[in-house]
Amino acid sequence: MKSLKKTLIEIQKNNPNKTILFFDESRFGTKTKTGLAWFKKGSRTRIKVKLGFKNFYIYSAINPTTGKHFSLLLPSVNSECMNIFLEELSKTFVDEFILIMDGAGWHRSKALVVPRNIQIVLLPPYCPELNPVEKLWKYVKDNTIKNKVFEVLSDLEDEVCRFLSELKIDVVRSICGSC
């Protein structure tokens, strides 16, 4: 199996004028994500948690070199939502570009409609560490949902969308550019 670096060099060599974007989606839900935090020594710490099954998905494409990114909130992961994302992405990045992603079923579906300006390249199976968007998910979740309770899904949607819309390209580049 080729390394990501070798694969990227090969893709860029064969497509020198095309932008390369990485894509993935992540689930965000009302179930509390707990994590480490600082508390006063000797005090008993209580963290409010909420169990729940209401959720939505963020679909994101990033260029780890430039930090440019595009995200869309969608209700589920399937071919229909993937088609919506690809259509909107193709309007944002109008020149031809390469979209690198994992091989999830809805990424390879016969129902997938790939706009003319997008060329899809699939990552090897079971290699999420090759996708820099995974680092973005950790950063977003650590800064939006960790140790927080959202009583209603719309509050969580608002928080995640606000955070993503204010995300600077230099932050994306520093988080995702080290893959």
C-alpha atoms as a PDB file:
ATOM      1  CA  MET A   1       0.000   0.000   0.000  1.00  0.00           C
ATOM      2  CA  LYS A   2       1.272   3.471  -0.901  1.00  0.00           C
ATOM      3  CA  SER A   3       1.662   6.124   1.739  1.00  0.00           C
ATOM      4  CA  LEU A   4      -0.554   9.198   1.615  1.00  0.00           C
ATOM      5  CA  LYS A   5       2.444  11.382   0.808  1.00  0.00           C
ATOM      6  CA  LYS A   6       3.425   9.201  -2.185  1.00  0.00           C
ATOM      7  CA  THR A   7      -0.173   9.073  -3.374  1.00  0.00           C
ATOM      8  CA  LEU A   8      -0.506  12.869  -3.152  1.00  0.00           C
ATOM      9  CA  ILE A   9       2.757  13.386  -5.041  1.00  0.00           C
ATOM     10  CA  GLU A  10       1.537  11.033  -7.769  1.00  0.00           C
ATOM     11  CA  ILE A  11      -1.871  12.750  -7.984  1.00  0.00           C
ATOM     12  CA  GLN A  12      -0.279  16.214  -8.135  1.00  0.00           C
ATOM     13  CA  LYS A  13       2.240  15.053 -10.761  1.00  0.00           C
ATOM     14  CA  ASN A  14      -0.571  13.744 -13.000  1.00  0.00           C
ATOM     15  CA  ASN A  15      -2.844  16.730 -12.269  1.00  0.00           C
ATOM     16  CA  PRO A  16      -0.567  19.729 -11.635  1.00  0.00           C
ATOM     17  CA  ASN A  17      -3.263  22.398 -11.957  1.00  0.00           C
ATOM     18  CA  LYS A  18      -6.007  20.728  -9.936  1.00  0.00           C
ATOM     19  CA  THR A  19      -6.846  21.576  -6.368  1.00  0.00           C
ATOM     20  CA  ILE A  20      -6.884  18.612  -3.992  1.00  0.00           C
ATOM     21  CA  LEU A  21      -9.556  18.471  -1.303  1.00  0.00           C
ATOM     22  CA  PHE A  22     -10.143  15.867   1.391  1.00  0.00           C
ATOM     23  CA  PHE A  23     -13.691  14.977   2.394  1.00  0.00           C
ATOM     24  CA  ASP A  24     -15.422  13.296   5.306  1.00  0.00           C
ATOM     25  CA  GLU A  25     -18.590  13.572   7.314  1.00  0.00           C
ATOM     26  CA  SER A  26     -19.139  13.396  11.067  1.00  0.00           C
ATOM     27  CA  ARG A  27     -22.126  12.839  13.306  1.00  0.00           C
ATOM     28  CA  PHE A  28     -23.036  15.412  15.946  1.00  0.00           C
ATOM     29  CA  GLY A  29     -25.727  14.556  18.483  1.00  0.00           C
ATOM     30  CA  THR A  30     -27.347  15.542  21.740  1.00  0.00           C
ATOM     31  CA  LYS A  31     -25.559  12.772  23.674  1.00  0.00           C
ATOM     32  CA  THR A  32     -22.913  14.533  25.777  1.00  0.00           C
ATOM     33  CA  LYS A  33     -19.267  13.982  24.815  1.00  0.00           C
ATOM     34  CA  THR A  34     -17.276  13.928  28.040  1.00  0.00           C
ATOM     35  CA  GLY A  35     -13.578  14.610  28.231  1.00  0.00           C
ATOM     36  CA  LEU A  36     -10.774  15.665  30.503  1.00  0.00           C
ATOM     37  CA  ALA A  37     -10.982  19.093  32.117  1.00  0.00           C
ATOM     38  CA  TRP A  38      -9.309  21.084  34.916  1.00  0.00           C
ATOM     39  CA  PHE A  39     -11.100  21.377  38.259  1.00  0.00           C
ATOM     40  CA  LYS A  40     -10.250  22.736  41.685  1.00  0.00           C
ATOM     41  CA  LYS A  41      -8.185  20.229  43.682  1.00  0.00           C
ATOM     42  CA  GLY A  42     -10.095  18.489  46.442  1.00  0.00           C
ATOM     43  CA  SER A  43     -13.548  19.359  45.136  1.00  0.00           C
ATOM     44  CA  ARG A  44     -16.001  16.789  43.902  1.00  0.00           C
ATOM     45  CA  THR A  45     -16.654  17.416  40.249  1.00  0.00           C
ATOM     46  CA  ARG A  46     -20.089  17.048  38.730  1.00  0.00           C
ATOM     47  CA  ILE A  47     -20.637  17.119  35.007  1.00  0.00           C
ATOM     48  CA  LYS A  48     -24.146  17.245  33.658  1.00  0.00           C
ATOM     49  CA  VAL A  49     -24.690  14.771  30.829  1.00  0.00           C
ATOM     50  CA  LYS A  50     -27.523  14.110  28.444  1.00  0.00           C
ATOM     51  CA  LEU A  51     -28.277  10.874  26.701  1.00  0.00           C
ATOM     52  CA  GLY A  52     -29.976  11.157  23.385  1.00  0.00           C
ATOM     53  CA  PHE A  53     -30.257   9.896  19.867  1.00  0.00           C
ATOM     54  CA  LYS A  54     -31.103  13.062  17.959  1.00  0.00           C
ATOM     55  CA  ASN A  55     -28.307  13.954  15.585  1.00  0.00           C
ATOM     56  CA  PHE A  56     -27.215  15.518  12.309  1.00  0.00           C
ATOM     57  CA  TYR A  57     -24.135  15.278  10.122  1.00  0.00           C
ATOM     58  CA  ILE A  58     -21.575  17.792   8.981  1.00  0.00           C
ATOM     59  CA  TYR A  59     -20.068  17.121   5.567  1.00  0.00           C
ATOM     60  CA  SER A  60     -16.743  18.912   5.070  1.00  0.00           C
ATOM     61  CA  ALA A  61     -14.114  19.231   2.367  1.00  0.00           C
ATOM     62  CA  ILE A  62     -10.766  20.842   3.132  1.00  0.00           C
ATOM     63  CA  ASN A  63      -7.564  21.724   1.402  1.00  0.00           C
ATOM     64  CA  PRO A  64      -4.961  21.013   4.112  1.00  0.00           C
ATOM     65  CA  THR A  65      -2.309  23.055   2.299  1.00  0.00           C
ATOM     66  CA  THR A  66      -4.272  26.300   1.919  1.00  0.00           C
ATOM     67  CA  GLY A  67      -6.776  25.833   4.755  1.00  0.00           C
ATOM     68  CA  LYS A  68      -9.752  26.523   2.483  1.00  0.00           C
ATOM     69  CA  HIS A  69     -12.784  24.571   3.603  1.00  0.00           C
ATOM     70  CA  PHE A  70     -16.448  24.022   2.816  1.00  0.00           C
ATOM     71  CA  SER A  71     -19.001  22.465   5.176  1.00  0.00           C
ATOM     72  CA  LEU A  72     -22.668  21.637   4.974  1.00  0.00           C
ATOM     73  CA  LEU A  73     -25.091  20.413   7.657  1.00  0.00           C
ATOM     74  CA  LEU A  74     -27.252  17.524   6.446  1.00  0.00           C
ATOM     75  CA  PRO A  75     -29.731  15.230   8.240  1.00  0.00           C
ATOM     76  CA  SER A  76     -28.140  11.853   7.430  1.00  0.00           C
ATOM     77  CA  VAL A  77     -25.469   9.967   5.510  1.00  0.00           C
ATOM     78  CA  ASN A  78     -26.766   8.552   2.257  1.00  0.00           C
ATOM     79  CA  SER A  79     -26.480   9.039  -1.503  1.00  0.00           C
ATOM     80  CA  GLU A  80     -29.143  11.746  -1.580  1.00  0.00           C
ATOM     81  CA  CYS A  81     -27.315  13.910   0.990  1.00  0.00           C
ATOM     82  CA  MET A  82     -23.969  13.165  -0.644  1.00  0.00           C
ATOM     83  CA  ASN A  83     -25.364  14.399  -3.984  1.00  0.00           C
ATOM     84  CA  ILE A  84     -26.530  17.636  -2.337  1.00  0.00           C
ATOM     85  CA  PHE A  85     -23.074  18.148  -0.842  1.00  0.00           C
ATOM     86  CA  LEU A  86     -21.253  17.428  -4.123  1.00  0.00           C
ATOM     87  CA  GLU A  87     -23.509  19.824  -6.033  1.00  0.00           C
ATOM     88  CA  GLU A  88     -22.944  22.656  -3.532  1.00  0.00           C
ATOM     89  CA  LEU A  89     -19.207  21.927  -3.365  1.00  0.00           C
ATOM     90  CA  SER A  90     -18.923  22.051  -7.161  1.00  0.00           C
ATOM     91  CA  LYS A  91     -20.502  25.520  -7.115  1.00  0.00           C
ATOM     92  CA  THR A  92     -18.015  26.722  -4.490  1.00  0.00           C
ATOM     93  CA  PHE A  93     -14.899  25.293  -6.163  1.00  0.00           C
ATOM     94  CA  VAL A  94     -15.814  25.920  -9.806  1.00  0.00           C
ATOM     95  CA  ASP A  95     -12.518  24.815 -11.380  1.00  0.00           C
ATOM     96  CA  GLU A  96     -11.786  21.105 -11.758  1.00  0.00           C
ATOM     97  CA  PHE A  97     -10.559  19.522  -8.535  1.00  0.00           C
ATOM     98  CA  ILE A  98      -9.830  16.169  -6.940  1.00  0.00           C
ATOM     99  CA  LEU A  99     -11.868  15.025  -3.933  1.00  0.00           C
ATOM    100  CA  ILE A 100     -10.175  12.380  -1.776  1.00  0.00           C
ATOM    101  CA  MET A 101     -12.431  10.425   0.594  1.00  0.00           C
ATOM    102  CA  ASP A 102     -13.012   7.058   2.188  1.00  0.00           C
ATOM    103  CA  GLY A 103     -14.974   4.300   0.478  1.00  0.00           C
ATOM    104  CA  ALA A 104     -18.225   4.465   2.459  1.00  0.00           C
ATOM    105  CA  GLY A 105     -21.162   2.899   0.636  1.00  0.00           C
ATOM    106  CA  TRP A 106     -22.839   6.207  -0.205  1.00  0.00           C
ATOM    107  CA  HIS A 107     -19.499   7.488  -1.613  1.00  0.00           C
ATOM    108  CA  ARG A 108     -19.515   4.654  -4.186  1.00  0.00           C
ATOM    109  CA  SER A 109     -23.243   4.323  -4.778  1.00  0.00           C
ATOM    110  CA  LYS A 110     -24.664   3.974  -8.294  1.00  0.00           C
ATOM    111  CA  ALA A 111     -27.081   6.760  -7.291  1.00  0.00           C
ATOM    112  CA  LEU A 112     -24.164   9.169  -6.766  1.00  0.00           C
ATOM    113  CA  VAL A 113     -24.174  12.068  -9.222  1.00  0.00           C
ATOM    114  CA  VAL A 114     -20.658  13.483  -9.495  1.00  0.00           C
ATOM    115  CA  PRO A 115     -20.496  16.970 -11.039  1.00  0.00           C
ATOM    116  CA  ARG A 116     -18.192  17.361 -14.040  1.00  0.00           C
ATOM    117  CA  ASN A 117     -15.609  19.437 -12.203  1.00  0.00           C
ATOM    118  CA  ILE A 118     -15.029  16.803  -9.469  1.00  0.00           C
ATOM    119  CA  GLN A 119     -12.750  13.783  -9.773  1.00  0.00           C
ATOM    120  CA  ILE A 120     -13.142  11.353  -6.858  1.00  0.00           C
ATOM    121  CA  VAL A 121     -10.199   9.366  -5.468  1.00  0.00           C
ATOM    122  CA  LEU A 122     -10.914   6.805  -2.735  1.00  0.00           C
ATOM    123  CA  LEU A 123      -8.579   6.245   0.191  1.00  0.00           C
ATOM    124  CA  PRO A 124      -7.543   2.676   1.040  1.00  0.00           C
ATOM    125  CA  PRO A 125     -10.039   0.839   3.297  1.00  0.00           C
ATOM    126  CA  TYR A 126      -9.727   1.141   7.085  1.00  0.00           C
ATOM    127  CA  CYS A 127      -7.269   4.069   6.980  1.00  0.00           C
ATOM    128  CA  PRO A 128      -9.005   7.049   8.634  1.00  0.00           C
ATOM    129  CA  GLU A 129      -5.592   8.333   9.743  1.00  0.00           C
ATOM    130  CA  LEU A 130      -4.867   9.191   6.094  1.00  0.00           C
ATOM    131  CA  ASN A 131      -7.692  11.716   5.989  1.00  0.00           C
ATOM    132  CA  PRO A 132      -6.787  15.127   7.484  1.00  0.00           C
ATOM    133  CA  VAL A 133     -10.485  15.935   7.981  1.00  0.00           C
ATOM    134  CA  GLU A 134     -10.432  13.507  10.932  1.00  0.00           C
ATOM    135  CA  LYS A 135      -8.231  16.032  12.778  1.00  0.00           C
ATOM    136  CA  LEU A 136     -10.773  18.743  12.007  1.00  0.00           C
ATOM    137  CA  TRP A 137     -13.565  16.674  13.598  1.00  0.00           C
ATOM    138  CA  LYS A 138     -11.597  16.282  16.825  1.00  0.00           C
ATOM    139  CA  TYR A 139     -10.874  20.028  16.925  1.00  0.00           C
ATOM    140  CA  VAL A 140     -14.503  20.994  16.248  1.00  0.00           C
ATOM    141  CA  LYS A 141     -15.917  18.559  18.800  1.00  0.00           C
ATOM    142  CA  ASP A 142     -13.377  19.534  21.474  1.00  0.00           C
ATOM    143  CA  ASN A 143     -14.341  23.181  21.000  1.00  0.00           C
ATOM    144  CA  THR A 144     -18.104  22.879  20.635  1.00  0.00           C
ATOM    145  CA  ILE A 145     -19.591  19.839  22.364  1.00  0.00           C
ATOM    146  CA  LYS A 146     -17.081  18.449  24.865  1.00  0.00           C
ATOM    147  CA  ASN A 147     -18.522  18.545  28.408  1.00  0.00           C
ATOM    148  CA  LYS A 148     -21.551  20.562  27.255  1.00  0.00           C
ATOM    149  CA  VAL A 149     -25.222  19.703  27.304  1.00  0.00           C
ATOM    150  CA  PHE A 150     -27.533  20.732  24.496  1.00  0.00           C
ATOM    151  CA  GLU A 151     -31.168  20.247  25.451  1.00  0.00           C
ATOM    152  CA  VAL A 152     -32.450  20.645  21.900  1.00  0.00           C
ATOM    153  CA  LEU A 153     -30.832  19.690  18.629  1.00  0.00           C
ATOM    154  CA  SER A 154     -31.259  23.152  17.094  1.00  0.00           C
ATOM    155  CA  ASP A 155     -29.005  24.673  19.797  1.00  0.00           C
ATOM    156  CA  LEU A 156     -26.281  22.187  18.923  1.00  0.00           C
ATOM    157  CA  GLU A 157     -26.737  22.847  15.198  1.00  0.00           C
ATOM    158  CA  ASP A 158     -26.421  26.591  15.806  1.00  0.00           C
ATOM    159  CA  GLU A 159     -23.255  26.148  17.898  1.00  0.00           C
ATOM    160  CA  VAL A 160     -21.490  23.863  15.405  1.00  0.00           C
ATOM    161  CA  CYS A 161     -22.493  25.997  12.397  1.00  0.00           C
ATOM    162  CA  ARG A 162     -21.341  29.181  14.136  1.00  0.00           C
ATOM    163  CA  PHE A 163     -18.015  27.591  15.024  1.00  0.00           C
ATOM    164  CA  LEU A 164     -17.432  26.309  11.479  1.00  0.00           C
ATOM    165  CA  SER A 165     -18.421  29.607   9.865  1.00  0.00           C
ATOM    166  CA  GLU A 166     -15.914  31.462  12.067  1.00  0.00           C
ATOM    167  CA  LEU A 167     -13.136  28.901  11.511  1.00  0.00           C
ATOM    168  CA  LYS A 168     -10.130  30.673   9.993  1.00  0.00           C
ATOM    169  CA  ILE A 169      -8.162  29.118   7.151  1.00  0.00           C
ATOM    170  CA  ASP A 170      -4.869  29.404   9.052  1.00  0.00           C
ATOM    171  CA  VAL A 171      -6.384  27.320  11.888  1.00  0.00           C
ATOM    172  CA  VAL A 172      -7.549  24.648   9.422  1.00  0.00           C
ATOM    173  CA  ARG A 173      -4.116  24.661   7.815  1.00  0.00           C
ATOM    174  CA  SER A 174      -2.358  24.238  11.166  1.00  0.00           C
ATOM    175  CA  ILE A 175      -4.703  21.436  12.314  1.00  0.00           C
ATOM    176  CA  CYS A 176      -4.962  19.486   9.078  1.00  0.00           C
ATOM    177  CA  GLY A 177      -1.790  20.365   7.187  1.00  0.00           C
ATOM    178  CA  SER A 178       0.471  18.023   9.135  1.00  0.00           C
ATOM    179  CA  CYS A 179      -0.951  14.791   7.658  1.00  0.00           C
END
